[in-house]
Amino acid sequence: MKNKLFILGSASPRRRELLEKIGLDFEVVVPEIEENPREGEPPWEFVKRSAIEKLETVKGKVAGETPILTADTVVFLDKQIIGKPSSPQEAEYYLSFLSGKWHTVYTGYALYCGKKFYRRSVKSKVKIMKLAPEIIKWYVSTGEPLDKAGAYGVQGIGAFLVETVRGSYSNVVGLPLSQVIKDMTKCGLVYFK
């Protein structure tokens, strides 16, 4: 697989790792926007809007028709968006809330390829095992949950918390690779030789 150089508009090390693992060349430009849902906004619309706003911000920082990919990911349960915890105590609360339940992970992404523009929202379902308080405290003490939506990292230490994933695993990490690569191929950004 080969690709034309593009901009990844994201501060997420997980998105960078996913794209690097499949061998894509890109540069990172970190968008600076507030990622807050609007009153009554569904999570699948919020992540798509957030990705588009990030793309517009990054577009203002790069030249011409440089291709750009941006994304946003949230965890959703019981009509609540669960973002990144602001403290260890909030991480413990989030993990207690998710314990033993199914939740939905939504990632919205926006891909700009000059004349073409794609924006999508992808969902995956995740079941977290029943967590004893001492497991939650130990996991939070590792520091891993503090910069992750839902306070867990399926690709890291937190893998042991996850019983089942239905849908795209990479979506739960932060970028639905199969959908993104399909769109990159459609716009000529990725090709196979």
C-alpha atoms as a PDB file:
ATOM      1  CA  MET A   1       0.000   0.000   0.000  1.00  0.00           C
ATOM      2  CA  LYS A   2       1.248   3.456  -0.892  1.00  0.00           C
ATOM      3  CA  ASN A   3      -0.186   6.873  -0.248  1.00  0.00           C
ATOM      4  CA  LYS A   4       0.117  10.526  -1.108  1.00  0.00           C
ATOM      5  CA  LEU A   5       1.255  12.612   1.840  1.00  0.00           C
ATOM      6  CA  PHE A   6      -1.626  13.900   3.945  1.00  0.00           C
ATOM      7  CA  ILE A   7      -2.157  15.800   7.200  1.00  0.00           C
ATOM      8  CA  LEU A   8      -3.500  14.013  10.263  1.00  0.00           C
ATOM      9  CA  GLY A   9      -5.304  16.684  12.265  1.00  0.00           C
ATOM     10  CA  SER A  10      -5.169  15.017  15.659  1.00  0.00           C
ATOM     11  CA  ALA A  11      -3.311  15.095  18.965  1.00  0.00           C
ATOM     12  CA  SER A  12      -4.105  11.396  19.532  1.00  0.00           C
ATOM     13  CA  PRO A  13      -1.058   9.128  19.712  1.00  0.00           C
ATOM     14  CA  ARG A  14      -3.387   6.167  19.105  1.00  0.00           C
ATOM     15  CA  ARG A  15      -4.527   7.493  15.728  1.00  0.00           C
ATOM     16  CA  ARG A  16      -0.900   8.114  14.755  1.00  0.00           C
ATOM     17  CA  GLU A  17       0.042   4.556  15.776  1.00  0.00           C
ATOM     18  CA  LEU A  18      -2.838   2.994  13.823  1.00  0.00           C
ATOM     19  CA  LEU A  19      -1.848   4.829  10.628  1.00  0.00           C
ATOM     20  CA  GLU A  20       1.881   4.184  11.128  1.00  0.00           C
ATOM     21  CA  LYS A  21       1.265   0.445  11.656  1.00  0.00           C
ATOM     22  CA  ILE A  22      -0.250   0.137   8.185  1.00  0.00           C
ATOM     23  CA  GLY A  23       2.646   2.096   6.678  1.00  0.00           C
ATOM     24  CA  LEU A  24       1.057   5.427   5.752  1.00  0.00           C
ATOM     25  CA  ASP A  25       3.092   8.631   5.401  1.00  0.00           C
ATOM     26  CA  PHE A  26       1.561  11.704   6.987  1.00  0.00           C
ATOM     27  CA  GLU A  27       2.338  14.825   8.974  1.00  0.00           C
ATOM     28  CA  VAL A  28       0.554  15.849  12.157  1.00  0.00           C
ATOM     29  CA  VAL A  29      -1.059  19.236  12.717  1.00  0.00           C
ATOM     30  CA  VAL A  30      -2.887  19.482  16.034  1.00  0.00           C
ATOM     31  CA  PRO A  31      -6.254  21.247  15.765  1.00  0.00           C
ATOM     32  CA  GLU A  32      -7.152  23.535  18.615  1.00  0.00           C
ATOM     33  CA  ILE A  33     -10.902  23.404  19.201  1.00  0.00           C
ATOM     34  CA  GLU A  34     -13.247  22.854  22.108  1.00  0.00           C
ATOM     35  CA  GLU A  35     -14.801  19.377  21.857  1.00  0.00           C
ATOM     36  CA  ASN A  36     -18.129  19.928  23.592  1.00  0.00           C
ATOM     37  CA  PRO A  37     -21.478  18.419  22.574  1.00  0.00           C
ATOM     38  CA  ARG A  38     -24.403  20.779  22.065  1.00  0.00           C
ATOM     39  CA  GLU A  39     -27.583  20.433  24.101  1.00  0.00           C
ATOM     40  CA  GLY A  40     -29.473  17.359  22.872  1.00  0.00           C
ATOM     41  CA  GLU A  41     -26.926  16.561  20.157  1.00  0.00           C
ATOM     42  CA  PRO A  42     -26.752  12.806  19.417  1.00  0.00           C
ATOM     43  CA  PRO A  43     -23.256  11.339  19.916  1.00  0.00           C
ATOM     44  CA  TRP A  44     -22.927  10.212  16.271  1.00  0.00           C
ATOM     45  CA  GLU A  45     -23.661  13.794  15.132  1.00  0.00           C
ATOM     46  CA  PHE A  46     -21.361  15.308  17.754  1.00  0.00           C
ATOM     47  CA  VAL A  47     -18.302  13.278  16.703  1.00  0.00           C
ATOM     48  CA  LYS A  48     -18.950  14.035  13.027  1.00  0.00           C
ATOM     49  CA  ARG A  49     -19.356  17.773  13.714  1.00  0.00           C
ATOM     50  CA  SER A  50     -16.265  17.793  15.912  1.00  0.00           C
ATOM     51  CA  ALA A  51     -14.210  16.084  13.165  1.00  0.00           C
ATOM     52  CA  ILE A  52     -15.434  18.648  10.603  1.00  0.00           C
ATOM     53  CA  GLU A  53     -14.579  21.569  12.922  1.00  0.00           C
ATOM     54  CA  LYS A  54     -11.093  20.104  13.448  1.00  0.00           C
ATOM     55  CA  LEU A  55     -10.690  19.768   9.686  1.00  0.00           C
ATOM     56  CA  GLU A  56     -11.680  23.409   9.102  1.00  0.00           C
ATOM     57  CA  THR A  57      -9.181  24.527  11.760  1.00  0.00           C
ATOM     58  CA  VAL A  58      -6.359  22.482  10.231  1.00  0.00           C
ATOM     59  CA  LYS A  59      -7.290  23.609   6.703  1.00  0.00           C
ATOM     60  CA  GLY A  60      -6.495  27.167   7.775  1.00  0.00           C
ATOM     61  CA  LYS A  61      -2.967  26.091   8.779  1.00  0.00           C
ATOM     62  CA  VAL A  62      -1.899  24.193   5.624  1.00  0.00           C
ATOM     63  CA  ALA A  63      -1.345  25.150   2.001  1.00  0.00           C
ATOM     64  CA  GLY A  64      -3.781  24.734  -0.869  1.00  0.00           C
ATOM     65  CA  GLU A  65      -5.575  21.450  -1.323  1.00  0.00           C
ATOM     66  CA  THR A  66      -3.413  19.349   0.981  1.00  0.00           C
ATOM     67  CA  PRO A  67      -5.399  16.233   1.978  1.00  0.00           C
ATOM     68  CA  ILE A  68      -6.504  16.220   5.645  1.00  0.00           C
ATOM     69  CA  LEU A  69      -7.916  13.557   7.962  1.00  0.00           C
ATOM     70  CA  THR A  70      -9.449  14.407  11.349  1.00  0.00           C
ATOM     71  CA  ALA A  71     -11.485  12.400  13.878  1.00  0.00           C
ATOM     72  CA  ASP A  72     -13.161  12.424  17.268  1.00  0.00           C
ATOM     73  CA  THR A  73     -14.212   9.488  19.472  1.00  0.00           C
ATOM     74  CA  VAL A  74     -16.668   9.215  22.366  1.00  0.00           C
ATOM     75  CA  VAL A  75     -18.099   6.506  24.573  1.00  0.00           C
ATOM     76  CA  PHE A  76     -21.893   6.527  25.007  1.00  0.00           C
ATOM     77  CA  LEU A  77     -24.020   4.810  27.657  1.00  0.00           C
ATOM     78  CA  ASP A  78     -27.477   5.517  29.107  1.00  0.00           C
ATOM     79  CA  LYS A  79     -27.927   8.694  27.044  1.00  0.00           C
ATOM     80  CA  GLN A  80     -24.612  10.092  28.306  1.00  0.00           C
ATOM     81  CA  ILE A  81     -21.460  10.943  26.387  1.00  0.00           C
ATOM     82  CA  ILE A  82     -18.459   9.817  28.397  1.00  0.00           C
ATOM     83  CA  GLY A  83     -15.379  11.713  27.324  1.00  0.00           C
ATOM     84  CA  LYS A  84     -11.887  11.806  28.773  1.00  0.00           C
ATOM     85  CA  PRO A  85     -11.809  11.931  32.577  1.00  0.00           C
ATOM     86  CA  SER A  86     -10.512  15.151  34.115  1.00  0.00           C
ATOM     87  CA  SER A  87      -9.138  13.420  37.238  1.00  0.00           C
ATOM     88  CA  PRO A  88      -8.382   9.962  38.659  1.00  0.00           C
ATOM     89  CA  GLN A  89     -11.621  10.199  40.669  1.00  0.00           C
ATOM     90  CA  GLU A  90     -13.634  10.849  37.523  1.00  0.00           C
ATOM     91  CA  ALA A  91     -11.870   7.920  35.796  1.00  0.00           C
ATOM     92  CA  GLU A  92     -12.924   5.662  38.687  1.00  0.00           C
ATOM     93  CA  TYR A  93     -16.496   6.920  38.397  1.00  0.00           C
ATOM     94  CA  TYR A  94     -16.579   6.296  34.626  1.00  0.00           C
ATOM     95  CA  LEU A  95     -15.195   2.774  35.002  1.00  0.00           C
ATOM     96  CA  SER A  96     -17.715   1.968  37.748  1.00  0.00           C
ATOM     97  CA  PHE A  97     -20.467   3.247  35.441  1.00  0.00           C
ATOM     98  CA  LEU A  98     -19.254   1.056  32.522  1.00  0.00           C
ATOM     99  CA  SER A  99     -18.632  -2.020  34.718  1.00  0.00           C
ATOM    100  CA  GLY A 100     -20.492  -5.118  33.533  1.00  0.00           C
ATOM    101  CA  LYS A 101     -22.329  -3.231  30.750  1.00  0.00           C
ATOM    102  CA  TRP A 102     -22.442  -2.852  27.009  1.00  0.00           C
ATOM    103  CA  HIS A 103     -21.719   0.637  25.696  1.00  0.00           C
ATOM    104  CA  THR A 104     -21.297   2.204  22.274  1.00  0.00           C
ATOM    105  CA  VAL A 105     -18.138   3.826  20.900  1.00  0.00           C
ATOM    106  CA  TYR A 106     -18.675   6.406  18.153  1.00  0.00           C
ATOM    107  CA  THR A 107     -15.888   7.808  16.017  1.00  0.00           C
ATOM    108  CA  GLY A 108     -16.601  10.557  13.555  1.00  0.00           C
ATOM    109  CA  TYR A 109     -14.052  11.339  10.885  1.00  0.00           C
ATOM    110  CA  ALA A 110     -13.670  13.893   8.136  1.00  0.00           C
ATOM    111  CA  LEU A 111     -11.454  13.377   5.102  1.00  0.00           C
ATOM    112  CA  TYR A 112     -10.681  16.214   2.699  1.00  0.00           C
ATOM    113  CA  CYS A 113      -9.050  15.296  -0.624  1.00  0.00           C
ATOM    114  CA  GLY A 114      -9.208  18.534  -2.611  1.00  0.00           C
ATOM    115  CA  LYS A 115     -12.334  18.039  -4.725  1.00  0.00           C
ATOM    116  CA  LYS A 116     -13.772  15.266  -2.534  1.00  0.00           C
ATOM    117  CA  PHE A 117     -14.922  15.433   1.058  1.00  0.00           C
ATOM    118  CA  TYR A 118     -16.049  12.515   3.216  1.00  0.00           C
ATOM    119  CA  ARG A 119     -17.575  12.683   6.675  1.00  0.00           C
ATOM    120  CA  ARG A 120     -18.787   9.652   8.535  1.00  0.00           C
ATOM    121  CA  SER A 121     -19.705   8.325  11.940  1.00  0.00           C
ATOM    122  CA  VAL A 122     -18.884   4.701  12.801  1.00  0.00           C
ATOM    123  CA  LYS A 123     -20.132   2.784  15.831  1.00  0.00           C
ATOM    124  CA  SER A 124     -18.871  -0.261  17.712  1.00  0.00           C
ATOM    125  CA  LYS A 125     -20.406  -1.991  20.727  1.00  0.00           C
ATOM    126  CA  VAL A 126     -18.179  -2.927  23.673  1.00  0.00           C
ATOM    127  CA  LYS A 127     -18.869  -5.012  26.784  1.00  0.00           C
ATOM    128  CA  ILE A 128     -16.744  -4.301  29.859  1.00  0.00           C
ATOM    129  CA  MET A 129     -16.400  -7.092  32.419  1.00  0.00           C
ATOM    130  CA  LYS A 130     -17.777  -6.628  35.929  1.00  0.00           C
ATOM    131  CA  LEU A 131     -15.080  -4.637  37.740  1.00  0.00           C
ATOM    132  CA  ALA A 132     -14.334  -4.939  41.441  1.00  0.00           C
ATOM    133  CA  PRO A 133     -13.389  -1.624  43.112  1.00  0.00           C
ATOM    134  CA  GLU A 134      -9.777  -2.790  43.637  1.00  0.00           C
ATOM    135  CA  ILE A 135      -9.396  -3.521  39.906  1.00  0.00           C
ATOM    136  CA  ILE A 136     -10.688  -0.042  39.057  1.00  0.00           C
ATOM    137  CA  LYS A 137      -8.328   1.614  41.567  1.00  0.00           C
ATOM    138  CA  TRP A 138      -5.347  -0.379  40.311  1.00  0.00           C
ATOM    139  CA  TYR A 139      -6.107   0.360  36.640  1.00  0.00           C
ATOM    140  CA  VAL A 140      -6.546   4.089  37.313  1.00  0.00           C
ATOM    141  CA  SER A 141      -3.224   4.084  39.215  1.00  0.00           C
ATOM    142  CA  THR A 142      -1.471   3.032  35.960  1.00  0.00           C
ATOM    143  CA  GLY A 143      -2.367   6.454  34.507  1.00  0.00           C
ATOM    144  CA  GLU A 144      -3.632   4.908  31.261  1.00  0.00           C
ATOM    145  CA  PRO A 145      -7.297   5.909  31.632  1.00  0.00           C
ATOM    146  CA  LEU A 146      -6.625   9.627  32.047  1.00  0.00           C
ATOM    147  CA  ASP A 147      -6.374  10.610  28.369  1.00  0.00           C
ATOM    148  CA  LYS A 148      -8.919   8.218  26.891  1.00  0.00           C
ATOM    149  CA  ALA A 149     -12.622   8.509  26.135  1.00  0.00           C
ATOM    150  CA  GLY A 150     -14.478   6.250  28.561  1.00  0.00           C
ATOM    151  CA  ALA A 151     -11.379   6.015  30.796  1.00  0.00           C
ATOM    152  CA  TYR A 152      -9.998   2.834  29.239  1.00  0.00           C
ATOM    153  CA  GLY A 153      -7.605   1.862  26.453  1.00  0.00           C
ATOM    154  CA  VAL A 154      -8.593  -1.307  24.585  1.00  0.00           C
ATOM    155  CA  GLN A 155      -5.166  -1.336  22.890  1.00  0.00           C
ATOM    156  CA  GLY A 156      -3.209  -1.099  26.144  1.00  0.00           C
ATOM    157  CA  ILE A 157      -3.397  -2.374  29.706  1.00  0.00           C
ATOM    158  CA  GLY A 158      -7.167  -1.895  29.563  1.00  0.00           C
ATOM    159  CA  ALA A 159      -7.503  -4.745  27.055  1.00  0.00           C
ATOM    160  CA  PHE A 160      -8.194  -7.094  29.967  1.00  0.00           C
ATOM    161  CA  LEU A 161     -11.312  -5.088  30.893  1.00  0.00           C
ATOM    162  CA  VAL A 162     -12.995  -5.733  27.540  1.00  0.00           C
ATOM    163  CA  GLU A 163     -15.051  -8.933  27.210  1.00  0.00           C
ATOM    164  CA  THR A 164     -16.437  -8.370  23.709  1.00  0.00           C
ATOM    165  CA  VAL A 165     -16.182  -5.936  20.797  1.00  0.00           C
ATOM    166  CA  ARG A 166     -18.865  -5.918  18.098  1.00  0.00           C
ATOM    167  CA  GLY A 167     -17.875  -3.907  15.064  1.00  0.00           C
ATOM    168  CA  SER A 168     -14.585  -2.237  14.231  1.00  0.00           C
ATOM    169  CA  TYR A 169     -11.868  -2.802  16.839  1.00  0.00           C
ATOM    170  CA  SER A 170      -9.784   0.090  15.447  1.00  0.00           C
ATOM    171  CA  ASN A 171     -12.860   2.313  15.857  1.00  0.00           C
ATOM    172  CA  VAL A 172     -12.714   1.608  19.609  1.00  0.00           C
ATOM    173  CA  VAL A 173      -9.016   2.585  19.556  1.00  0.00           C
ATOM    174  CA  GLY A 174      -9.934   5.869  17.825  1.00  0.00           C
ATOM    175  CA  LEU A 175     -10.083   5.463  14.031  1.00  0.00           C
ATOM    176  CA  PRO A 176     -12.187   3.012  11.951  1.00  0.00           C
ATOM    177  CA  LEU A 177      -9.381   1.985   9.600  1.00  0.00           C
ATOM    178  CA  SER A 178     -11.360  -0.109   7.114  1.00  0.00           C
ATOM    179  CA  GLN A 179     -13.799   2.742   6.427  1.00  0.00           C
ATOM    180  CA  VAL A 180     -11.051   5.389   6.346  1.00  0.00           C
ATOM    181  CA  ILE A 181      -8.908   3.365   3.909  1.00  0.00           C
ATOM    182  CA  LYS A 182     -11.930   2.777   1.631  1.00  0.00           C
ATOM    183  CA  ASP A 183     -12.529   6.537   1.451  1.00  0.00           C
ATOM    184  CA  MET A 184      -8.813   7.281   0.996  1.00  0.00           C
ATOM    185  CA  THR A 185      -8.751   4.798  -1.898  1.00  0.00           C
ATOM    186  CA  LYS A 186     -11.857   6.376  -3.498  1.00  0.00           C
ATOM    187  CA  CYS A 187     -10.219   9.793  -3.533  1.00  0.00           C
ATOM    188  CA  GLY A 188      -6.853   8.518  -4.810  1.00  0.00           C
ATOM    189  CA  LEU A 189      -4.990   9.187  -1.589  1.00  0.00           C
ATOM    190  CA  VAL A 190      -4.165   5.505  -1.014  1.00  0.00           C
ATOM    191  CA  TYR A 191      -3.364   2.989  -3.739  1.00  0.00           C
ATOM    192  CA  PHE A 192      -2.127  -0.593  -3.875  1.00  0.00           C
ATOM    193  CA  LYS A 193       0.862  -1.685  -5.990  1.00  0.00           C
END
